[in-house]
Amino acid sequence: MGIAKRQIIGLIFGLIVLAVVSLIDYHTICRFYIPLYGLGVLLLFLTRFSPLGTDHGKNAYRWLDIGATEIQPSELVKVIMIIVMAVILSKVYKKLNQWSVFIMCVFVMAVPTFLILIQTDLSSSAVCMFTFVVMIFMAGLSWKIIGILVPVGVPLSILAFWYVQQPYQKLLTGYQQKRILSFLHPEESASDGNYQTLHSVQAIASGGITGKTLMGDASDSRLYHMVFANESDFIFSVIGEELGFFGCLILIAIFVYVVIKCIVIGRRAKDITGRLIAYGVSGMLMFQSFVNIGVATSLLPNTGLPFPFLSYGLSSLLSSIIAVALVINVSLQAGGRKGLNFTQNDFDFE
């Protein structure tokens, strides 16, 4: 079955999932946060340490063979952890600024994040960490704790960034280190990852203002054909070449609107659980789309992170659909007030 047919079938199935998830009260879903957490950890464990885990090259055990197809559990776990952390943070938010409670929350998030990281899926683990930071901050983490963590975290991050560039480093795999080095020193690197990014930039630039599709170019001479994974991690290169600068702007504007709408729905949620779900989804979508575009335009090192809804991959598509369905659910439970309109109060954060 071709890529397009699989994606269309996945989209149809995803729309059914969207209807189901958005209509079941999210409080009902949240009651199962412990089994969901256990399921997510189990799937990640099986992916890395069981014969069902599939390596698609470079020792990347990110896919689970379930017979008829393969799934990427890390995509589902991103959404599961939004639900889990929303429930936990809503239970402990009054005690969140106690170090014991804060460390407990970090540990709960660290377990699946670590299991994703050792699949050599650095980008998905970064999504989990960023989403967690957004949610715990919006849950009311004290500036006192932040004031302690930042002075410690920033130097450690700089030190870690220096360390992973050294030939003796053990934190990253060889190809992950090569991607970072090729980004920092493109003139000295001839890695495939660097060529891939350069071809992506050339493809986007060749689209001009309006893109080759609107210019009536029906030929097969597309530069994005030279970009590996142009249907998934580098889908933005295809969009840039076919739709041009205006098409890219429209796409970015749509995603900015979606992210802002998630935040607004979070502001209107009837409880803190719904609020944190909406904020978590907004953080996940914002981070993934920003990184995907940044990689395709050579603003960030090459990393395999799909563009929500657009990149090929049924696991990614379904996780994005489920995430948005949860936000729609939160909006419906709050009465869907004010429809799609924004008000000044929606942006007055406490």
Protein backbone atom coordinates (compact mmCIF):
# COMPACT_ATOMS: atom_id res chain seq x y z
CA MET A 1 0.00 0.00 0.00
CA GLY A 2 1.37 3.40 -0.97
CA ILE A 3 2.22 6.16 1.46
CA ALA A 4 -0.70 8.34 0.37
CA LYS A 5 -3.28 5.55 0.75
CA ARG A 6 -1.98 4.61 4.21
CA GLN A 7 -2.09 8.22 5.33
CA ILE A 8 -5.65 8.68 4.01
CA ILE A 9 -6.79 5.54 5.83
CA GLY A 10 -5.05 6.78 8.95
CA LEU A 11 -6.76 10.15 8.61
CA ILE A 12 -10.20 8.56 8.29
CA PHE A 13 -9.54 6.38 11.33
CA GLY A 14 -8.16 9.42 13.14
CA LEU A 15 -11.35 11.41 12.52
CA ILE A 16 -13.33 8.59 14.14
CA VAL A 17 -10.94 8.66 17.09
CA LEU A 18 -11.30 12.46 17.21
CA ALA A 19 -15.09 12.18 17.53
CA VAL A 20 -14.90 9.51 20.22
CA VAL A 21 -12.21 11.15 22.36
CA SER A 22 -13.72 14.62 22.13
CA LEU A 23 -17.16 13.40 23.24
CA ILE A 24 -16.08 11.28 26.23
CA ASP A 25 -15.77 13.52 29.28
CA TYR A 26 -12.05 14.00 29.85
CA HIS A 27 -12.62 13.44 33.58
CA THR A 28 -13.61 9.87 32.71
CA ILE A 29 -10.41 9.44 30.70
CA CYS A 30 -8.34 10.95 33.49
CA ARG A 31 -9.63 8.40 36.01
CA PHE A 32 -7.50 5.83 34.21
CA TYR A 33 -4.28 7.83 34.46
CA ILE A 34 -2.47 5.11 36.42
CA PRO A 35 -3.29 2.29 33.93
CA LEU A 36 -2.43 4.66 31.07
CA TYR A 37 0.92 5.43 32.67
CA GLY A 38 1.61 1.74 33.15
CA LEU A 39 0.62 1.01 29.54
CA GLY A 40 2.93 3.73 28.24
CA VAL A 41 5.92 2.52 30.28
CA LEU A 42 5.23 -1.09 29.25
CA LEU A 43 5.09 -0.24 25.56
CA LEU A 44 8.34 1.71 25.79
CA PHE A 45 10.00 -1.12 27.68
CA LEU A 46 8.87 -3.70 25.11
CA THR A 47 10.07 -1.47 22.28
CA ARG A 48 13.60 -1.27 23.65
CA PHE A 49 14.10 -4.58 25.42
CA SER A 50 11.86 -7.19 23.74
CA PRO A 51 12.02 -9.02 20.38
CA LEU A 52 8.98 -7.00 19.33
CA GLY A 53 11.10 -3.86 19.15
CA THR A 54 12.20 -3.01 15.62
CA ASP A 55 15.47 -1.37 14.65
CA HIS A 56 15.18 0.65 11.42
CA GLY A 57 18.85 1.45 11.39
CA LYS A 58 21.44 3.23 13.55
CA ASN A 59 20.37 1.18 16.60
CA ALA A 60 17.12 3.15 16.85
CA TYR A 61 14.59 0.87 18.53
CA ARG A 62 11.57 3.17 18.24
CA TRP A 63 8.97 0.91 16.63
CA LEU A 64 6.93 -1.95 18.03
CA ASP A 65 5.92 -4.78 15.70
CA ILE A 66 2.29 -5.73 16.42
CA GLY A 67 1.87 -8.02 13.44
CA ALA A 68 -0.18 -6.20 10.80
CA THR A 69 1.79 -3.00 11.23
CA GLU A 70 4.29 -1.17 13.40
CA ILE A 71 3.57 1.55 15.92
CA GLN A 72 5.84 4.12 17.50
CA PRO A 73 4.91 4.07 21.21
CA SER A 74 6.78 7.29 22.00
CA GLU A 75 4.20 9.23 19.96
CA LEU A 76 1.35 7.82 22.05
CA VAL A 77 3.27 8.30 25.29
CA LYS A 78 3.59 12.03 24.61
CA VAL A 79 -0.19 12.33 24.89
CA ILE A 80 -0.47 9.84 27.76
CA MET A 81 1.99 11.87 29.80
CA ILE A 82 0.00 15.05 29.22
CA ILE A 83 -3.02 13.30 30.76
CA VAL A 84 -0.98 11.76 33.60
CA MET A 85 0.82 14.97 34.54
CA ALA A 86 -2.38 17.01 34.29
CA VAL A 87 -4.03 14.72 36.85
CA ILE A 88 -1.02 14.55 39.18
CA LEU A 89 -0.35 18.28 39.06
CA SER A 90 -4.04 19.03 39.69
CA LYS A 91 -3.84 16.86 42.83
CA VAL A 92 -0.64 18.34 44.22
CA TYR A 93 -0.57 21.89 42.87
CA LYS A 94 -1.10 23.37 46.35
CA LYS A 95 1.97 21.48 47.55
CA LEU A 96 3.93 21.73 44.31
CA ASN A 97 6.51 24.05 45.80
CA GLN A 98 7.58 21.47 48.35
CA TRP A 99 10.79 19.88 47.12
CA SER A 100 9.55 16.36 47.83
CA VAL A 101 6.45 16.88 45.70
CA PHE A 102 8.40 18.58 42.94
CA ILE A 103 10.95 15.74 42.81
CA MET A 104 8.14 13.19 42.74
CA CYS A 105 6.63 14.90 39.69
CA VAL A 106 10.03 15.00 38.00
CA PHE A 107 10.54 11.28 38.69
CA VAL A 108 7.13 10.32 37.25
CA MET A 109 8.00 12.18 34.05
CA ALA A 110 11.61 11.02 33.98
CA VAL A 111 10.82 7.29 33.74
CA PRO A 112 9.11 7.31 30.31
CA THR A 113 11.36 10.11 29.10
CA PHE A 114 14.43 8.01 29.90
CA LEU A 115 12.94 4.97 28.15
CA ILE A 116 12.37 7.11 25.06
CA LEU A 117 15.89 8.53 25.28
CA ILE A 118 17.56 5.10 25.32
CA GLN A 119 15.65 4.21 22.16
CA THR A 120 18.04 6.85 20.79
CA ASP A 121 15.02 9.08 20.26
CA LEU A 122 16.47 12.31 21.59
CA SER A 123 13.93 14.54 19.84
CA SER A 124 10.84 12.83 21.31
CA SER A 125 12.37 12.87 24.79
CA ALA A 126 12.98 16.61 24.32
CA VAL A 127 9.27 17.03 23.46
CA CYS A 128 8.33 15.27 26.69
CA MET A 129 10.69 17.44 28.74
CA PHE A 130 9.51 20.68 27.15
CA THR A 131 5.84 19.75 27.62
CA PHE A 132 6.50 18.90 31.26
CA VAL A 133 8.23 22.24 31.86
CA VAL A 134 5.26 24.10 30.35
CA MET A 135 2.73 22.17 32.44
CA ILE A 136 4.54 22.38 35.77
CA PHE A 137 5.18 26.09 35.27
CA MET A 138 1.52 26.74 34.47
CA ALA A 139 0.52 24.63 37.49
CA GLY A 140 2.13 27.28 39.68
CA LEU A 141 5.75 26.29 40.25
CA SER A 142 7.30 28.87 42.55
CA TRP A 143 9.77 31.36 41.19
CA LYS A 144 11.94 30.46 44.18
CA ILE A 145 12.41 26.93 42.84
CA ILE A 146 12.88 28.26 39.33
CA GLY A 147 15.44 30.72 40.69
CA ILE A 148 17.42 27.80 42.10
CA LEU A 149 17.07 25.51 39.09
CA VAL A 150 18.02 28.05 36.40
CA PRO A 151 21.44 29.06 37.84
CA VAL A 152 22.25 25.35 38.21
CA GLY A 153 20.66 24.13 34.97
CA VAL A 154 22.12 26.70 32.56
CA PRO A 155 25.81 26.00 33.38
CA LEU A 156 25.14 22.25 33.36
CA SER A 157 23.46 22.56 29.96
CA ILE A 158 26.41 24.51 28.57
CA LEU A 159 28.81 21.94 29.99
CA ALA A 160 26.75 19.07 28.53
CA PHE A 161 26.66 20.79 25.14
CA TRP A 162 30.44 21.13 25.20
CA TYR A 163 30.85 17.53 26.35
CA VAL A 164 28.75 15.95 23.58
CA GLN A 165 31.07 17.55 21.01
CA GLN A 166 34.09 15.71 22.38
CA PRO A 167 35.27 12.46 20.73
CA TYR A 168 35.13 10.59 24.07
CA GLN A 169 31.55 11.58 24.96
CA LYS A 170 29.10 8.83 25.94
CA LEU A 171 25.77 10.66 26.08
CA LEU A 172 24.92 10.56 22.36
CA THR A 173 25.26 7.95 19.67
CA GLY A 174 27.76 8.51 16.90
CA TYR A 175 25.23 9.70 14.33
CA GLN A 176 23.58 12.05 16.85
CA GLN A 177 26.92 13.65 17.61
CA LYS A 178 27.69 13.90 13.90
CA ARG A 179 24.45 15.82 13.34
CA ILE A 180 25.37 18.38 15.98
CA LEU A 181 28.92 18.76 14.67
CA SER A 182 27.70 19.14 11.09
CA PHE A 183 25.36 21.91 12.24
CA LEU A 184 28.06 23.73 14.18
CA HIS A 185 30.81 23.25 11.57
CA PRO A 186 29.15 22.79 8.17
CA GLU A 187 32.33 23.76 6.36
CA GLU A 188 34.23 20.91 8.02
CA SER A 189 31.54 18.27 7.85
CA ALA A 190 30.48 16.18 4.92
CA SER A 191 27.87 14.15 6.78
CA ASP A 192 24.68 12.98 5.13
CA GLY A 193 22.67 14.91 7.71
CA ASN A 194 24.29 18.18 6.67
CA TYR A 195 23.75 17.53 2.95
CA GLN A 196 20.17 16.64 3.72
CA THR A 197 19.58 19.96 5.46
CA LEU A 198 21.32 21.91 2.69
CA HIS A 199 19.13 20.24 0.06
CA SER A 200 16.08 21.07 2.16
CA VAL A 201 17.04 24.75 2.28
CA GLN A 202 17.65 24.76 -1.48
CA ALA A 203 14.25 23.18 -2.10
CA ILE A 204 12.47 25.77 0.06
CA ALA A 205 14.36 28.62 -1.61
CA SER A 206 13.52 27.32 -5.08
CA GLY A 207 9.82 27.70 -4.31
CA GLY A 208 10.16 31.47 -4.39
CA ILE A 209 7.23 33.62 -3.30
CA THR A 210 4.30 31.64 -4.65
CA GLY A 211 5.73 28.14 -5.08
CA LYS A 212 6.07 25.90 -8.09
CA THR A 213 2.52 24.54 -7.90
CA LEU A 214 0.89 27.96 -8.25
CA MET A 215 3.45 28.92 -10.91
CA GLY A 216 2.16 26.01 -12.98
CA ASP A 217 5.40 24.02 -12.94
CA ALA A 218 4.15 20.49 -13.66
CA SER A 219 7.58 18.98 -14.20
CA ASP A 220 9.13 16.37 -11.94
CA SER A 221 12.26 18.43 -11.39
CA ARG A 222 11.73 19.03 -7.70
CA LEU A 223 14.72 19.60 -5.45
CA TYR A 224 13.00 18.01 -2.47
CA HIS A 225 13.42 14.65 -4.19
CA MET A 226 17.05 14.84 -3.05
CA VAL A 227 15.94 15.20 0.59
CA PHE A 228 15.72 11.95 2.50
CA ALA A 229 12.51 11.57 4.57
CA ASN A 230 10.84 14.45 2.71
CA GLU A 231 7.49 12.83 3.49
CA SER A 232 8.07 12.98 7.25
CA ASP A 233 10.89 14.81 9.04
CA PHE A 234 11.50 17.18 6.10
CA ILE A 235 7.91 17.67 4.94
CA PHE A 236 8.40 21.43 5.25
CA SER A 237 10.86 21.35 2.34
CA VAL A 238 8.08 19.96 0.14
CA ILE A 239 5.64 22.61 1.34
CA GLY A 240 8.19 25.38 0.76
CA GLU A 241 9.00 24.29 -2.78
CA GLU A 242 5.41 23.63 -3.83
CA LEU A 243 3.61 26.50 -2.08
CA GLY A 244 6.39 29.05 -1.69
CA PHE A 245 6.90 31.74 0.91
CA PHE A 246 3.21 32.65 1.10
CA GLY A 247 2.21 29.02 1.60
CA CYS A 248 4.73 28.65 4.40
CA LEU A 249 3.45 31.81 6.07
CA ILE A 250 -0.14 30.59 5.89
CA LEU A 251 0.84 27.22 7.35
CA ILE A 252 2.77 28.84 10.21
CA ALA A 253 -0.13 31.22 10.87
CA ILE A 254 -2.53 28.27 11.12
CA PHE A 255 -0.33 26.54 13.65
CA VAL A 256 0.15 29.74 15.64
CA TYR A 257 -3.63 30.07 15.75
CA VAL A 258 -4.03 26.45 16.90
CA VAL A 259 -1.47 26.88 19.68
CA ILE A 260 -3.03 30.15 20.86
CA LYS A 261 -6.49 28.60 20.71
CA CYS A 262 -5.31 25.72 22.92
CA ILE A 263 -4.02 28.25 25.44
CA VAL A 264 -7.29 30.19 25.35
CA ILE A 265 -9.31 27.00 25.86
CA GLY A 266 -7.05 26.23 28.80
CA ARG A 267 -7.85 29.64 30.27
CA ARG A 268 -11.57 28.90 29.93
CA ALA A 269 -11.40 25.34 31.31
CA LYS A 270 -13.62 24.62 34.28
CA ASP A 271 -10.86 23.01 36.36
CA ILE A 272 -7.10 22.84 36.61
CA THR A 273 -6.94 19.38 35.03
CA GLY A 274 -8.56 20.60 31.83
CA ARG A 275 -6.43 23.72 31.91
CA LEU A 276 -3.20 21.74 32.13
CA ILE A 277 -4.27 19.33 29.38
CA ALA A 278 -4.82 22.25 27.02
CA TYR A 279 -1.54 23.90 28.01
CA GLY A 280 0.34 20.62 27.60
CA VAL A 281 -1.06 20.06 24.12
CA SER A 282 -0.20 23.63 23.12
CA GLY A 283 3.38 23.12 24.32
CA MET A 284 3.72 19.82 22.46
CA LEU A 285 2.38 21.18 19.17
CA MET A 286 4.42 24.38 19.43
CA PHE A 287 7.69 22.58 20.16
CA GLN A 288 7.28 19.94 17.45
CA SER A 289 6.30 22.37 14.70
CA PHE A 290 9.04 24.83 15.68
CA VAL A 291 11.76 22.15 15.69
CA ASN A 292 10.57 20.59 12.43
CA ILE A 293 10.64 23.95 10.66
CA GLY A 294 13.94 24.86 12.32
CA VAL A 295 15.59 21.66 11.08
CA ALA A 296 14.23 22.03 7.54
CA THR A 297 15.48 25.61 7.33
CA SER A 298 18.88 24.85 8.92
CA LEU A 299 18.16 26.89 12.04
CA LEU A 300 18.50 23.80 14.24
CA PRO A 301 20.56 20.59 14.10
CA ASN A 302 19.07 17.73 12.13
CA THR A 303 16.75 15.64 14.29
CA GLY A 304 13.91 13.33 13.44
CA LEU A 305 10.78 15.05 14.68
CA PRO A 306 7.57 14.96 12.63
CA PHE A 307 5.45 17.98 11.80
CA PRO A 308 2.08 17.55 13.59
CA PHE A 309 -0.70 16.38 11.22
CA LEU A 310 1.42 16.81 8.07
CA SER A 311 4.32 14.37 8.34
CA TYR A 312 3.83 10.81 7.17
CA GLY A 313 3.41 8.30 9.99
CA LEU A 314 0.23 6.90 11.47
CA SER A 315 1.51 7.00 15.05
CA SER A 316 2.37 10.69 14.76
CA LEU A 317 -0.91 11.50 13.03
CA LEU A 318 -3.03 9.69 15.62
CA SER A 319 -1.17 11.18 18.58
CA SER A 320 -1.69 14.71 17.19
CA ILE A 321 -5.37 14.00 16.56
CA ILE A 322 -5.89 12.56 20.05
CA ALA A 323 -4.13 15.56 21.58
CA VAL A 324 -6.38 18.03 19.76
CA ALA A 325 -9.43 15.90 20.58
CA LEU A 326 -8.60 16.25 24.27
CA VAL A 327 -8.49 20.03 23.92
CA ILE A 328 -11.83 20.01 22.09
CA ASN A 329 -13.13 17.86 24.94
CA VAL A 330 -11.98 20.42 27.49
CA SER A 331 -13.70 23.16 25.49
CA LEU A 332 -16.96 21.21 25.24
CA GLN A 333 -16.99 20.44 28.98
CA ALA A 334 -16.50 24.14 29.64
CA GLY A 335 -19.55 24.86 27.50
CA GLY A 336 -17.64 25.94 24.39
CA ARG A 337 -17.96 29.53 25.49
CA LYS A 338 -17.43 32.31 22.95
CA GLY A 339 -16.81 29.89 20.12
CA LEU A 340 -13.66 30.76 18.22
CA ASN A 341 -13.51 34.36 19.44
CA PHE A 342 -10.82 35.68 21.75
CA THR A 343 -11.33 38.21 24.53
CA GLN A 344 -8.88 40.34 26.47
CA ASN A 345 -9.38 38.20 29.59
CA ASP A 346 -8.07 35.17 27.73
CA PHE A 347 -4.61 36.70 27.72
CA ASP A 348 -4.58 38.04 31.31
CA PHE A 349 -2.54 35.29 32.94
CA GLU A 350 -2.41 35.25 36.69
